[in-house]
N, C-alpha and C. Protein backbone atom coordinates (compact mmCIF):
# COMPACT_ATOMS: atom_id res chain seq x y z
N MET A 1 -37.13 16.08 -23.89
CA MET A 1 -38.48 16.17 -24.40
C MET A 1 -38.46 15.71 -25.85
N SER A 2 -39.32 14.76 -26.22
CA SER A 2 -39.32 14.26 -27.59
C SER A 2 -40.53 14.79 -28.35
N PHE A 3 -40.35 14.92 -29.65
CA PHE A 3 -41.37 15.44 -30.55
C PHE A 3 -41.46 14.52 -31.75
N THR A 4 -42.65 14.37 -32.30
CA THR A 4 -42.85 13.56 -33.48
C THR A 4 -43.15 14.46 -34.66
N ILE A 5 -42.39 14.29 -35.74
CA ILE A 5 -42.61 15.04 -36.96
C ILE A 5 -43.22 14.07 -37.97
N ASP A 6 -44.45 14.32 -38.35
CA ASP A 6 -45.18 13.45 -39.26
C ASP A 6 -45.37 14.17 -40.59
N THR A 7 -44.71 13.69 -41.64
CA THR A 7 -44.78 14.37 -42.93
C THR A 7 -46.08 14.10 -43.68
N THR A 8 -46.94 13.24 -43.14
CA THR A 8 -48.24 13.04 -43.78
C THR A 8 -49.19 14.16 -43.40
N GLN A 9 -48.85 14.92 -42.37
CA GLN A 9 -49.67 16.03 -41.91
C GLN A 9 -49.08 17.36 -42.37
N GLU A 10 -49.92 18.25 -42.85
CA GLU A 10 -49.45 19.59 -43.23
C GLU A 10 -49.09 20.37 -41.97
N GLN A 11 -48.07 21.20 -42.08
CA GLN A 11 -47.66 22.02 -40.95
C GLN A 11 -47.51 23.45 -41.43
N PRO A 12 -48.18 24.39 -40.77
CA PRO A 12 -48.03 25.79 -41.18
C PRO A 12 -46.61 26.28 -40.88
N ILE A 13 -46.13 27.15 -41.73
CA ILE A 13 -44.78 27.70 -41.55
C ILE A 13 -44.88 28.97 -40.71
N SER A 14 -44.04 29.03 -39.68
CA SER A 14 -43.97 30.21 -38.82
C SER A 14 -42.67 30.95 -39.14
N LEU A 15 -42.78 32.21 -39.48
CA LEU A 15 -41.59 32.99 -39.78
C LEU A 15 -40.86 33.45 -38.52
N ALA A 16 -41.51 33.30 -37.38
CA ALA A 16 -40.90 33.68 -36.10
C ALA A 16 -41.29 32.66 -35.04
N PRO A 17 -40.65 31.49 -35.05
CA PRO A 17 -40.97 30.48 -34.03
C PRO A 17 -40.74 31.05 -32.63
N GLN A 18 -41.62 30.70 -31.71
CA GLN A 18 -41.56 31.23 -30.35
C GLN A 18 -40.55 30.50 -29.48
N THR A 19 -40.28 29.25 -29.76
CA THR A 19 -39.33 28.48 -28.95
C THR A 19 -38.34 27.77 -29.85
N ILE A 20 -37.26 27.32 -29.26
CA ILE A 20 -36.25 26.55 -29.99
C ILE A 20 -36.87 25.24 -30.50
N TYR A 21 -37.79 24.69 -29.72
CA TYR A 21 -38.43 23.44 -30.12
C TYR A 21 -39.26 23.62 -31.38
N GLU A 22 -40.03 24.69 -31.45
CA GLU A 22 -40.82 24.97 -32.64
C GLU A 22 -39.92 25.13 -33.87
N GLU A 23 -38.79 25.80 -33.68
CA GLU A 23 -37.86 26.03 -34.77
C GLU A 23 -37.27 24.72 -35.28
N VAL A 24 -36.83 23.88 -34.36
CA VAL A 24 -36.22 22.60 -34.73
C VAL A 24 -37.25 21.71 -35.43
N ILE A 25 -38.45 21.62 -34.91
CA ILE A 25 -39.50 20.80 -35.52
C ILE A 25 -39.82 21.30 -36.92
N GLN A 26 -39.96 22.60 -37.07
CA GLN A 26 -40.26 23.16 -38.39
C GLN A 26 -39.12 22.88 -39.37
N ASN A 27 -37.89 23.04 -38.93
CA ASN A 27 -36.74 22.79 -39.80
C ASN A 27 -36.70 21.33 -40.26
N ILE A 28 -36.94 20.41 -39.35
CA ILE A 28 -36.92 18.99 -39.71
C ILE A 28 -38.08 18.64 -40.63
N TRP A 29 -39.26 19.17 -40.35
CA TRP A 29 -40.41 18.89 -41.21
C TRP A 29 -40.13 19.37 -42.63
N PHE A 30 -39.56 20.56 -42.75
CA PHE A 30 -39.25 21.10 -44.08
C PHE A 30 -38.17 20.26 -44.76
N LEU A 31 -37.17 19.83 -44.01
CA LEU A 31 -36.11 18.98 -44.56
C LEU A 31 -36.68 17.67 -45.08
N LEU A 32 -37.54 17.02 -44.30
CA LEU A 32 -38.11 15.73 -44.68
C LEU A 32 -39.13 15.86 -45.81
N SER A 33 -39.68 17.04 -46.01
CA SER A 33 -40.68 17.25 -47.05
C SER A 33 -40.08 17.75 -48.36
N SER A 34 -38.77 17.93 -48.38
CA SER A 34 -38.08 18.43 -49.57
C SER A 34 -37.27 17.32 -50.22
N ILE A 35 -37.04 17.48 -51.51
CA ILE A 35 -36.22 16.54 -52.27
C ILE A 35 -34.96 17.28 -52.72
N GLU A 36 -33.83 16.57 -52.71
CA GLU A 36 -32.58 17.18 -53.17
C GLU A 36 -32.77 17.81 -54.56
N TYR A 37 -32.08 18.89 -54.80
CA TYR A 37 -32.08 19.64 -56.06
C TYR A 37 -33.32 20.50 -56.26
N ASP A 38 -34.28 20.50 -55.32
CA ASP A 38 -35.47 21.33 -55.45
C ASP A 38 -35.27 22.72 -54.85
N ILE A 39 -34.31 22.89 -53.96
CA ILE A 39 -34.08 24.18 -53.31
C ILE A 39 -32.99 24.91 -54.10
N PRO A 40 -33.31 26.01 -54.76
CA PRO A 40 -32.38 26.65 -55.70
C PRO A 40 -30.99 26.99 -55.17
N LEU A 41 -30.86 27.56 -53.99
CA LEU A 41 -29.54 27.98 -53.54
C LEU A 41 -28.86 26.96 -52.64
N ASN A 42 -29.49 25.84 -52.41
CA ASN A 42 -28.90 24.77 -51.60
C ASN A 42 -29.38 23.43 -52.17
N ARG A 43 -28.76 23.00 -53.23
CA ARG A 43 -29.20 21.82 -53.97
C ARG A 43 -29.10 20.52 -53.17
N GLU A 44 -28.27 20.47 -52.14
CA GLU A 44 -28.13 19.25 -51.35
C GLU A 44 -29.15 19.13 -50.23
N PHE A 45 -29.92 20.20 -49.99
CA PHE A 45 -30.94 20.19 -48.94
C PHE A 45 -32.09 19.30 -49.36
N GLY A 46 -32.60 18.51 -48.44
CA GLY A 46 -33.73 17.63 -48.72
C GLY A 46 -33.27 16.19 -48.83
N LEU A 47 -34.24 15.30 -48.95
CA LEU A 47 -33.93 13.88 -49.03
C LEU A 47 -33.54 13.50 -50.44
N ASN A 48 -32.65 12.53 -50.54
CA ASN A 48 -32.19 12.03 -51.82
C ASN A 48 -33.31 11.21 -52.46
N ALA A 49 -33.51 11.38 -53.74
CA ALA A 49 -34.58 10.67 -54.44
C ALA A 49 -34.10 9.36 -55.05
N ALA A 50 -32.94 8.87 -54.64
CA ALA A 50 -32.37 7.65 -55.21
C ALA A 50 -33.22 6.42 -54.93
N TYR A 51 -34.05 6.48 -53.91
CA TYR A 51 -34.84 5.30 -53.58
C TYR A 51 -36.19 5.25 -54.31
N ILE A 52 -36.47 6.23 -55.14
CA ILE A 52 -37.69 6.19 -55.95
C ILE A 52 -37.59 5.02 -56.93
N ASP A 53 -38.66 4.32 -57.11
CA ASP A 53 -38.75 3.15 -58.00
C ASP A 53 -38.02 1.93 -57.46
N LYS A 54 -37.66 1.94 -56.20
CA LYS A 54 -37.06 0.77 -55.56
C LYS A 54 -38.17 0.03 -54.81
N PRO A 55 -37.96 -1.26 -54.51
CA PRO A 55 -38.93 -1.95 -53.66
C PRO A 55 -39.04 -1.24 -52.31
N ILE A 56 -40.22 -1.33 -51.69
CA ILE A 56 -40.48 -0.60 -50.45
C ILE A 56 -39.45 -0.91 -49.37
N THR A 57 -39.05 -2.16 -49.23
CA THR A 57 -38.08 -2.50 -48.18
C THR A 57 -36.72 -1.86 -48.46
N THR A 58 -36.31 -1.85 -49.70
CA THR A 58 -35.05 -1.19 -50.07
C THR A 58 -35.17 0.31 -49.89
N ALA A 59 -36.28 0.88 -50.33
CA ALA A 59 -36.50 2.32 -50.20
C ALA A 59 -36.51 2.74 -48.74
N THR A 60 -37.11 1.92 -47.88
CA THR A 60 -37.14 2.22 -46.45
C THR A 60 -35.74 2.28 -45.87
N ALA A 61 -34.90 1.32 -46.23
CA ALA A 61 -33.52 1.30 -45.73
C ALA A 61 -32.73 2.50 -46.23
N LEU A 62 -32.85 2.82 -47.51
CA LEU A 62 -32.13 3.97 -48.07
C LEU A 62 -32.62 5.29 -47.47
N ALA A 63 -33.94 5.41 -47.30
CA ALA A 63 -34.50 6.63 -46.74
C ALA A 63 -34.09 6.81 -45.28
N THR A 64 -34.06 5.72 -44.52
CA THR A 64 -33.65 5.80 -43.12
C THR A 64 -32.22 6.31 -43.00
N ALA A 65 -31.32 5.76 -43.78
CA ALA A 65 -29.93 6.21 -43.76
C ALA A 65 -29.83 7.68 -44.16
N ASP A 66 -30.59 8.08 -45.18
CA ASP A 66 -30.55 9.46 -45.64
C ASP A 66 -31.11 10.41 -44.58
N ILE A 67 -32.16 10.01 -43.89
CA ILE A 67 -32.75 10.85 -42.84
C ILE A 67 -31.74 11.08 -41.72
N TYR A 68 -31.05 10.03 -41.30
CA TYR A 68 -30.02 10.18 -40.26
C TYR A 68 -28.93 11.15 -40.73
N ASP A 69 -28.48 10.99 -41.97
CA ASP A 69 -27.42 11.86 -42.49
C ASP A 69 -27.87 13.31 -42.58
N LYS A 70 -29.05 13.54 -43.14
CA LYS A 70 -29.52 14.91 -43.37
C LYS A 70 -29.85 15.64 -42.07
N ILE A 71 -30.49 14.97 -41.14
CA ILE A 71 -30.79 15.63 -39.87
C ILE A 71 -29.50 15.92 -39.11
N GLY A 72 -28.55 15.01 -39.18
CA GLY A 72 -27.26 15.24 -38.54
C GLY A 72 -26.53 16.44 -39.14
N GLU A 73 -26.68 16.62 -40.44
CA GLU A 73 -26.00 17.72 -41.12
C GLU A 73 -26.73 19.06 -40.98
N TYR A 74 -28.03 19.06 -41.18
CA TYR A 74 -28.78 20.31 -41.25
C TYR A 74 -29.46 20.73 -39.95
N GLU A 75 -29.67 19.80 -39.03
CA GLU A 75 -30.29 20.17 -37.75
C GLU A 75 -29.61 19.39 -36.62
N PRO A 76 -28.36 19.79 -36.30
CA PRO A 76 -27.61 19.07 -35.27
C PRO A 76 -28.17 19.23 -33.86
N ARG A 77 -29.14 20.13 -33.67
CA ARG A 77 -29.76 20.30 -32.36
C ARG A 77 -30.72 19.17 -32.04
N ALA A 78 -31.02 18.32 -33.02
CA ALA A 78 -31.97 17.23 -32.82
C ALA A 78 -31.26 15.88 -32.84
N GLU A 79 -31.72 14.99 -31.97
CA GLU A 79 -31.25 13.61 -31.96
C GLU A 79 -32.42 12.71 -32.29
N ILE A 80 -32.24 11.83 -33.24
CA ILE A 80 -33.32 10.95 -33.67
C ILE A 80 -33.54 9.85 -32.64
N VAL A 81 -34.79 9.67 -32.24
CA VAL A 81 -35.18 8.61 -31.31
C VAL A 81 -35.67 7.41 -32.11
N SER A 82 -36.55 7.66 -33.08
CA SER A 82 -37.05 6.57 -33.91
C SER A 82 -37.54 7.11 -35.25
N ILE A 83 -37.58 6.21 -36.22
CA ILE A 83 -38.11 6.53 -37.54
C ILE A 83 -39.11 5.44 -37.93
N GLU A 84 -40.30 5.85 -38.31
CA GLU A 84 -41.32 4.95 -38.83
C GLU A 84 -41.76 5.48 -40.18
N PHE A 85 -42.35 4.63 -40.98
CA PHE A 85 -42.82 5.06 -42.29
C PHE A 85 -44.28 4.70 -42.48
N THR A 86 -45.01 5.61 -43.10
CA THR A 86 -46.36 5.34 -43.56
C THR A 86 -46.22 4.95 -45.02
N THR A 87 -46.71 3.78 -45.38
CA THR A 87 -46.53 3.30 -46.74
C THR A 87 -47.86 3.06 -47.42
N ASP A 88 -47.89 3.34 -48.69
CA ASP A 88 -49.02 3.01 -49.56
C ASP A 88 -48.43 2.12 -50.64
N TYR A 89 -48.58 0.81 -50.48
CA TYR A 89 -47.95 -0.15 -51.37
C TYR A 89 -48.50 -0.06 -52.79
N GLU A 90 -49.77 0.25 -52.94
CA GLU A 90 -50.36 0.31 -54.27
C GLU A 90 -49.82 1.48 -55.08
N ARG A 91 -49.63 2.61 -54.44
CA ARG A 91 -49.13 3.79 -55.15
C ARG A 91 -47.63 3.98 -54.97
N GLY A 92 -46.99 3.19 -54.12
CA GLY A 92 -45.56 3.29 -53.90
C GLY A 92 -45.13 4.54 -53.15
N ILE A 93 -45.94 4.96 -52.19
CA ILE A 93 -45.64 6.18 -51.43
C ILE A 93 -45.07 5.79 -50.06
N LEU A 94 -44.01 6.47 -49.70
CA LEU A 94 -43.32 6.23 -48.44
C LEU A 94 -43.14 7.58 -47.74
N LYS A 95 -43.79 7.77 -46.61
CA LYS A 95 -43.71 9.04 -45.87
C LYS A 95 -43.13 8.78 -44.49
N PRO A 96 -42.07 9.52 -44.12
CA PRO A 96 -41.46 9.29 -42.80
C PRO A 96 -42.20 9.97 -41.66
N LYS A 97 -42.12 9.32 -40.51
CA LYS A 97 -42.59 9.88 -39.24
C LYS A 97 -41.41 9.72 -38.29
N VAL A 98 -40.81 10.84 -37.88
CA VAL A 98 -39.57 10.82 -37.11
C VAL A 98 -39.81 11.39 -35.72
N GLU A 99 -39.34 10.66 -34.72
CA GLU A 99 -39.39 11.15 -33.34
C GLU A 99 -37.99 11.64 -32.99
N VAL A 100 -37.90 12.88 -32.52
CA VAL A 100 -36.61 13.48 -32.18
C VAL A 100 -36.65 14.08 -30.79
N GLU A 101 -35.47 14.24 -30.23
CA GLU A 101 -35.29 15.00 -28.99
C GLU A 101 -34.35 16.15 -29.29
N VAL A 102 -34.66 17.31 -28.73
CA VAL A 102 -33.77 18.46 -28.87
C VAL A 102 -32.65 18.26 -27.87
N ASN A 103 -31.41 18.47 -28.32
CA ASN A 103 -30.24 18.26 -27.47
C ASN A 103 -30.38 19.00 -26.15
N GLY A 104 -29.91 18.38 -25.06
CA GLY A 104 -30.03 18.92 -23.72
C GLY A 104 -29.44 20.30 -23.53
N GLU A 105 -28.43 20.64 -24.30
CA GLU A 105 -27.80 21.95 -24.13
C GLU A 105 -28.72 23.09 -24.49
N TYR A 106 -29.84 22.80 -25.13
CA TYR A 106 -30.78 23.85 -25.50
C TYR A 106 -31.98 23.92 -24.57
N ASP A 107 -32.01 23.08 -23.53
CA ASP A 107 -33.15 23.07 -22.60
C ASP A 107 -33.34 24.41 -21.90
N GLU A 108 -32.29 25.17 -21.76
CA GLU A 108 -32.41 26.46 -21.08
C GLU A 108 -33.28 27.44 -21.86
N TYR A 109 -33.55 27.15 -23.14
CA TYR A 109 -34.37 28.03 -23.95
C TYR A 109 -35.83 27.60 -23.93
N ASP A 110 -36.23 26.90 -22.91
CA ASP A 110 -37.60 26.39 -22.83
C ASP A 110 -38.62 27.53 -22.82
N GLU A 111 -38.23 28.67 -22.34
CA GLU A 111 -39.13 29.83 -22.31
C GLU A 111 -39.23 30.41 -23.73
N GLU A 112 -39.21 31.69 -23.85
CA GLU A 112 -39.25 32.36 -25.14
C GLU A 112 -37.90 32.21 -25.83
N TYR A 113 -37.95 32.01 -27.12
CA TYR A 113 -36.71 31.91 -27.89
C TYR A 113 -36.60 33.14 -28.78
N THR A 114 -35.56 33.91 -28.56
CA THR A 114 -35.29 35.06 -29.42
C THR A 114 -33.82 35.07 -29.76
N GLU A 115 -33.53 35.58 -30.89
CA GLU A 115 -32.13 35.62 -31.32
C GLU A 115 -31.81 36.98 -31.86
């Protein structure tokens, strides 16, 4: 089952996600919406800001590589299907839209997720 995480859309935070899918989507959305060094006790969490002030094509390539690395590190339950970007060339804004699938080993938690 694939899900699309669009960082141009606000997403409410749930302190008790009902399913593993909700948890994974929320975790990825938060990861993609954060910048490295902004999270006090985990400075490496979030996307690297090295691509700021780069041309859009360069920034897109750097951001894509960073998204693959960060999702692989912080949310290994998700596999990336595709990455697209919403760009505003005039203001230099680049927002990712990532389609992911939750790893098959977690399909058994399709019902209620409790831990």
